PDB file of N, CA and C in Angstrom:
ATOM      1  N   MET A   1      23.203   5.049   2.191  1.00  0.00           N
ATOM      2  CA  MET A   1      22.884   6.418   1.954  1.00  0.00           C
ATOM      3  C   MET A   1      21.436   6.433   2.193  1.00  0.00           C
ATOM      4  N   ARG A   2      20.953   7.393   2.722  1.00  0.00           N
ATOM      5  CA  ARG A   2      19.502   7.673   2.955  1.00  0.00           C
ATOM      6  C   ARG A   2      19.055   8.380   1.670  1.00  0.00           C
ATOM      7  N   GLU A   3      17.518   8.012   1.470  1.00  0.00           N
ATOM      8  CA  GLU A   3      16.911   8.712   0.604  1.00  0.00           C
ATOM      9  C   GLU A   3      16.614  10.175   0.889  1.00  0.00           C
ATOM     10  N   LYS A   4      16.612  11.026   0.019  1.00  0.00           N
ATOM     11  CA  LYS A   4      16.313  12.395   0.374  1.00  0.00           C
ATOM     12  C   LYS A   4      14.826  12.522   0.392  1.00  0.00           C
ATOM     13  N   ARG A   5      14.247  13.203   1.320  1.00  0.00           N
ATOM     14  CA  ARG A   5      12.826  13.342   1.418  1.00  0.00           C
ATOM     15  C   ARG A   5      12.405  14.980   1.209  1.00  0.00           C
ATOM     16  N   ILE A   6      11.456  15.228   0.505  1.00  0.00           N
ATOM     17  CA  ILE A   6      11.084  16.644   0.248  1.00  0.00           C
ATOM     18  C   ILE A   6       9.634  16.794   0.810  1.00  0.00           C
ATOM     19  N   LYS A   7       9.120  17.717   1.529  1.00  0.00           N
ATOM     20  CA  LYS A   7       7.830  18.088   1.823  1.00  0.00           C
ATOM     21  C   LYS A   7       7.398  19.373   1.086  1.00  0.00           C
ATOM     22  N   ILE A   8       6.247  19.188   0.423  1.00  0.00           N
ATOM     23  CA  ILE A   8       5.671  20.200  -0.275  1.00  0.00           C
ATOM     24  C   ILE A   8       4.232  20.351   0.340  1.00  0.00           C
ATOM     25  N   SER A   9       3.726  21.557   0.465  1.00  0.00           N
ATOM     26  CA  SER A   9       2.292  21.659   0.741  1.00  0.00           C
ATOM     27  C   SER A   9       1.596  22.231  -0.311  1.00  0.00           C
ATOM     28  N   PHE A  10       0.427  21.656  -0.496  1.00  0.00           N
ATOM     29  CA  PHE A  10      -0.573  21.875  -1.658  1.00  0.00           C
ATOM     30  C   PHE A  10      -1.943  22.223  -1.023  1.00  0.00           C
ATOM     31  N   THR A  11      -2.758  23.082  -1.835  1.00  0.00           N
ATOM     32  CA  THR A  11      -4.082  23.381  -1.512  1.00  0.00           C
ATOM     33  C   THR A  11      -4.807  22.050  -2.024  1.00  0.00           C
ATOM     34  N   ASP A  12      -6.166  21.955  -1.506  1.00  0.00           N
ATOM     35  CA  ASP A  12      -6.925  20.687  -1.927  1.00  0.00           C
ATOM     36  C   ASP A  12      -6.944  20.816  -3.567  1.00  0.00           C
ATOM     37  N   PHE A  13      -7.145  22.032  -4.136  1.00  0.00           N
ATOM     38  CA  PHE A  13      -7.296  21.997  -5.562  1.00  0.00           C
ATOM     39  C   PHE A  13      -6.049  21.611  -6.267  1.00  0.00           C
ATOM     40  N   GLU A  14      -5.071  22.108  -5.730  1.00  0.00           N
ATOM     41  CA  GLU A  14      -3.707  21.692  -6.288  1.00  0.00           C
ATOM     42  C   GLU A  14      -3.468  20.184  -6.208  1.00  0.00           C
ATOM     43  N   CYS A  15      -3.817  19.639  -5.022  1.00  0.00           N
ATOM     44  CA  CYS A  15      -3.415  18.213  -4.874  1.00  0.00           C
ATOM     45  C   CYS A  15      -4.401  17.303  -5.677  1.00  0.00           C
ATOM     46  N   ASN A  16      -5.643  17.803  -5.923  1.00  0.00           N
ATOM     47  CA  ASN A  16      -6.563  17.095  -6.857  1.00  0.00           C
ATOM     48  C   ASN A  16      -6.148  17.215  -8.338  1.00  0.00           C
ATOM     49  N   LEU A  17      -5.597  18.425  -8.727  1.00  0.00           N
ATOM     50  CA  LEU A  17      -5.103  18.565 -10.025  1.00  0.00           C
ATOM     51  C   LEU A  17      -3.796  17.630 -10.193  1.00  0.00           C
ATOM     52  N   LEU A  18      -3.193  17.540  -9.233  1.00  0.00           N
ATOM     53  CA  LEU A  18      -1.823  16.706  -9.380  1.00  0.00           C
ATOM     54  C   LEU A  18      -2.000  15.275  -9.460  1.00  0.00           C
ATOM     55  N   ILE A  19      -3.111  14.732  -8.683  1.00  0.00           N
ATOM     56  CA  ILE A  19      -3.600  13.413  -8.785  1.00  0.00           C
ATOM     57  C   ILE A  19      -4.161  13.076 -10.059  1.00  0.00           C
ATOM     58  N   ASN A  20      -4.985  13.940 -10.526  1.00  0.00           N
ATOM     59  CA  ASN A  20      -5.608  13.762 -11.778  1.00  0.00           C
ATOM     60  C   ASN A  20      -4.702  13.682 -13.068  1.00  0.00           C
ATOM     61  N   GLY A  21      -3.732  14.629 -12.989  1.00  0.00           N
ATOM     62  CA  GLY A  21      -2.653  14.556 -13.963  1.00  0.00           C
ATOM     63  C   GLY A  21      -1.813  13.239 -14.042  1.00  0.00           C
ATOM     64  N   ILE A  22      -1.502  12.771 -12.783  1.00  0.00           N
ATOM     65  CA  ILE A  22      -0.628  11.646 -12.836  1.00  0.00           C
ATOM     66  C   ILE A  22      -1.514  10.372 -13.228  1.00  0.00           C
ATOM     67  N   ASN A  23      -2.778  10.492 -12.824  1.00  0.00           N
ATOM     68  CA  ASN A  23      -3.613   9.332 -13.292  1.00  0.00           C
ATOM     69  C   ASN A  23      -3.856   9.259 -14.776  1.00  0.00           C
ATOM     70  N   GLU A  24      -4.018  10.495 -15.537  1.00  0.00           N
ATOM     71  CA  GLU A  24      -3.990  10.671 -16.837  1.00  0.00           C
ATOM     72  C   GLU A  24      -2.567   9.975 -17.469  1.00  0.00           C
ATOM     73  N   TRP A  25      -1.613  10.327 -16.929  1.00  0.00           N
ATOM     74  CA  TRP A  25      -0.233   9.882 -17.388  1.00  0.00           C
ATOM     75  C   TRP A  25      -0.299   8.229 -17.419  1.00  0.00           C
ATOM     76  N   ARG A  26      -0.809   7.892 -16.076  1.00  0.00           N
ATOM     77  CA  ARG A  26      -0.848   6.421 -15.966  1.00  0.00           C
ATOM     78  C   ARG A  26      -1.759   5.628 -17.014  1.00  0.00           C
ATOM     79  N   ASN A  27      -2.698   6.311 -17.368  1.00  0.00           N
ATOM     80  CA  ASN A  27      -3.652   5.915 -18.278  1.00  0.00           C
ATOM     81  C   ASN A  27      -2.978   5.743 -19.732  1.00  0.00           C
ATOM     82  N   MET A  28      -2.275   6.808 -19.991  1.00  0.00           N
ATOM     83  CA  MET A  28      -1.537   6.878 -21.298  1.00  0.00           C
ATOM     84  C   MET A  28      -0.483   5.700 -21.373  1.00  0.00           C
ATOM     85  N   LEU A  29       0.270   5.535 -20.187  1.00  0.00           N
ATOM     86  CA  LEU A  29       1.040   4.404 -20.077  1.00  0.00           C
ATOM     87  C   LEU A  29       0.442   3.001 -20.352  1.00  0.00           C
ATOM     88  N   LEU A  30      -0.662   2.934 -19.825  1.00  0.00           N
ATOM     89  CA  LEU A  30      -1.497   1.621 -19.934  1.00  0.00           C
ATOM     90  C   LEU A  30      -1.949   1.418 -21.428  1.00  0.00           C
ATOM     91  N   GLU A  31      -2.069   2.358 -22.108  1.00  0.00           N
ATOM     92  CA  GLU A  31      -2.548   2.350 -23.698  1.00  0.00           C
ATOM     93  C   GLU A  31      -1.257   1.960 -24.502  1.00  0.00           C
ATOM     94  N   ILE A  32      -0.138   2.241 -24.095  1.00  0.00           N
ATOM     95  CA  ILE A  32       0.921   1.767 -24.917  1.00  0.00           C
ATOM     96  C   ILE A  32       1.564   0.613 -24.172  1.00  0.00           C
ATOM     97  N   ASP A  33       0.864  -0.099 -23.388  1.00  0.00           N
ATOM     98  CA  ASP A  33       1.518  -1.217 -22.693  1.00  0.00           C
ATOM     99  C   ASP A  33       2.662  -1.031 -21.941  1.00  0.00           C
ATOM    100  N   TYR A  34       2.889  -0.100 -21.226  1.00  0.00           N
ATOM    101  CA  TYR A  34       4.164   0.296 -20.575  1.00  0.00           C
ATOM    102  C   TYR A  34       3.909  -0.017 -19.182  1.00  0.00           C
ATOM    103  N   PRO A  35       4.979  -0.453 -18.306  1.00  0.00           N
ATOM    104  CA  PRO A  35       4.680  -0.674 -16.833  1.00  0.00           C
ATOM    105  C   PRO A  35       4.314   0.459 -16.111  1.00  0.00           C
ATOM    106  N   THR A  36       3.322   0.182 -15.144  1.00  0.00           N
ATOM    107  CA  THR A  36       3.036   1.476 -14.366  1.00  0.00           C
ATOM    108  C   THR A  36       3.260   1.427 -12.952  1.00  0.00           C
ATOM    109  N   GLU A  37       3.977   0.381 -12.384  1.00  0.00           N
ATOM    110  CA  GLU A  37       4.269   0.158 -10.977  1.00  0.00           C
ATOM    111  C   GLU A  37       4.592   1.383 -10.310  1.00  0.00           C
ATOM    112  N   ASP A  38       5.616   1.860 -10.756  1.00  0.00           N
ATOM    113  CA  ASP A  38       6.082   3.329  -9.923  1.00  0.00           C
ATOM    114  C   ASP A  38       5.179   4.350 -10.028  1.00  0.00           C
ATOM    115  N   VAL A  39       4.370   4.449 -11.137  1.00  0.00           N
ATOM    116  CA  VAL A  39       3.472   5.475 -11.209  1.00  0.00           C
ATOM    117  C   VAL A  39       2.298   5.109 -10.119  1.00  0.00           C
ATOM    118  N   ASP A  40       1.949   3.896  -9.999  1.00  0.00           N
ATOM    119  CA  ASP A  40       0.863   3.552  -9.250  1.00  0.00           C
ATOM    120  C   ASP A  40       1.274   3.747  -7.713  1.00  0.00           C
ATOM    121  N   ALA A  41       2.493   3.384  -7.487  1.00  0.00           N
ATOM    122  CA  ALA A  41       2.929   3.670  -6.092  1.00  0.00           C
ATOM    123  C   ALA A  41       2.884   5.337  -5.727  1.00  0.00           C
ATOM    124  N   LEU A  42       3.292   6.048  -6.487  1.00  0.00           N
ATOM    125  CA  LEU A  42       3.342   7.450  -6.414  1.00  0.00           C
ATOM    126  C   LEU A  42       1.895   7.931  -6.345  1.00  0.00           C
ATOM    127  N   LEU A  43       0.961   7.439  -7.161  1.00  0.00           N
ATOM    128  CA  LEU A  43      -0.415   7.853  -7.143  1.00  0.00           C
ATOM    129  C   LEU A  43      -1.039   7.477  -5.663  1.00  0.00           C
ATOM    130  N   LEU A  44      -0.731   6.232  -5.388  1.00  0.00           N
ATOM    131  CA  LEU A  44      -1.470   5.868  -3.984  1.00  0.00           C
ATOM    132  C   LEU A  44      -0.859   6.561  -2.782  1.00  0.00           C
ATOM    133  N   LYS A  45       0.310   7.049  -2.727  1.00  0.00           N
ATOM    134  CA  LYS A  45       0.853   7.802  -1.772  1.00  0.00           C
ATOM    135  C   LYS A  45       0.043   9.204  -1.746  1.00  0.00           C
ATOM    136  N   LEU A  46       0.037   9.783  -2.868  1.00  0.00           N
ATOM    137  CA  LEU A  46      -0.680  11.111  -2.997  1.00  0.00           C
ATOM    138  C   LEU A  46      -2.138  11.012  -2.529  1.00  0.00           C
ATOM    139  N   ILE A  47      -2.780   9.754  -2.935  1.00  0.00           N
ATOM    140  CA  ILE A  47      -4.242   9.883  -2.506  1.00  0.00           C
ATOM    141  C   ILE A  47      -4.369   9.530  -0.973  1.00  0.00           C
ATOM    142  N   LYS A  48      -3.532   8.676  -0.338  1.00  0.00           N
ATOM    143  CA  LYS A  48      -3.453   8.471   0.961  1.00  0.00           C
ATOM    144  C   LYS A  48      -3.207   9.718   1.762  1.00  0.00           C
ATOM    145  N   LYS A  49      -2.228  10.570   1.341  1.00  0.00           N
ATOM    146  CA  LYS A  49      -1.966  11.827   1.990  1.00  0.00           C
ATOM    147  C   LYS A  49      -3.017  12.744   1.762  1.00  0.00           C
ATOM    148  N   ALA A  50      -3.688  12.763   0.656  1.00  0.00           N
ATOM    149  CA  ALA A  50      -4.795  13.702   0.555  1.00  0.00           C
ATOM    150  C   ALA A  50      -5.987  13.299   1.327  1.00  0.00           C
ATOM    151  N   GLU A  51      -6.231  12.110   1.465  1.00  0.00           N
ATOM    152  CA  GLU A  51      -7.417  11.540   2.456  1.00  0.00           C
ATOM    153  C   GLU A  51      -7.168  11.805   3.965  1.00  0.00           C
ATOM    154  N   GLY A  52      -5.741  11.862   4.011  1.00  0.00           N
ATOM    155  CA  GLY A  52      -5.455  12.104   5.698  1.00  0.00           C
ATOM    156  C   GLY A  52      -5.599  13.438   6.128  1.00  0.00           C
ATOM    157  N   LYS A  53      -5.809  14.337   5.249  1.00  0.00           N
ATOM    158  CA  LYS A  53      -6.028  15.726   5.743  1.00  0.00           C
ATOM    159  C   LYS A  53      -7.215  16.042   6.537  1.00  0.00           C
TER     160      LYS A  53
END
């Protein structure tokens, strides 16, 4: 079974807001010593897409 892919368009402001929010969430997870691998992967995908514009 294939994974479902979803495409969403964001303005630069919205993209930066999303990246900053996920980064804050990641920092909160680090404070409570919770694994962040999945969040890290998502954050890297968003940053790469934002740079590619």
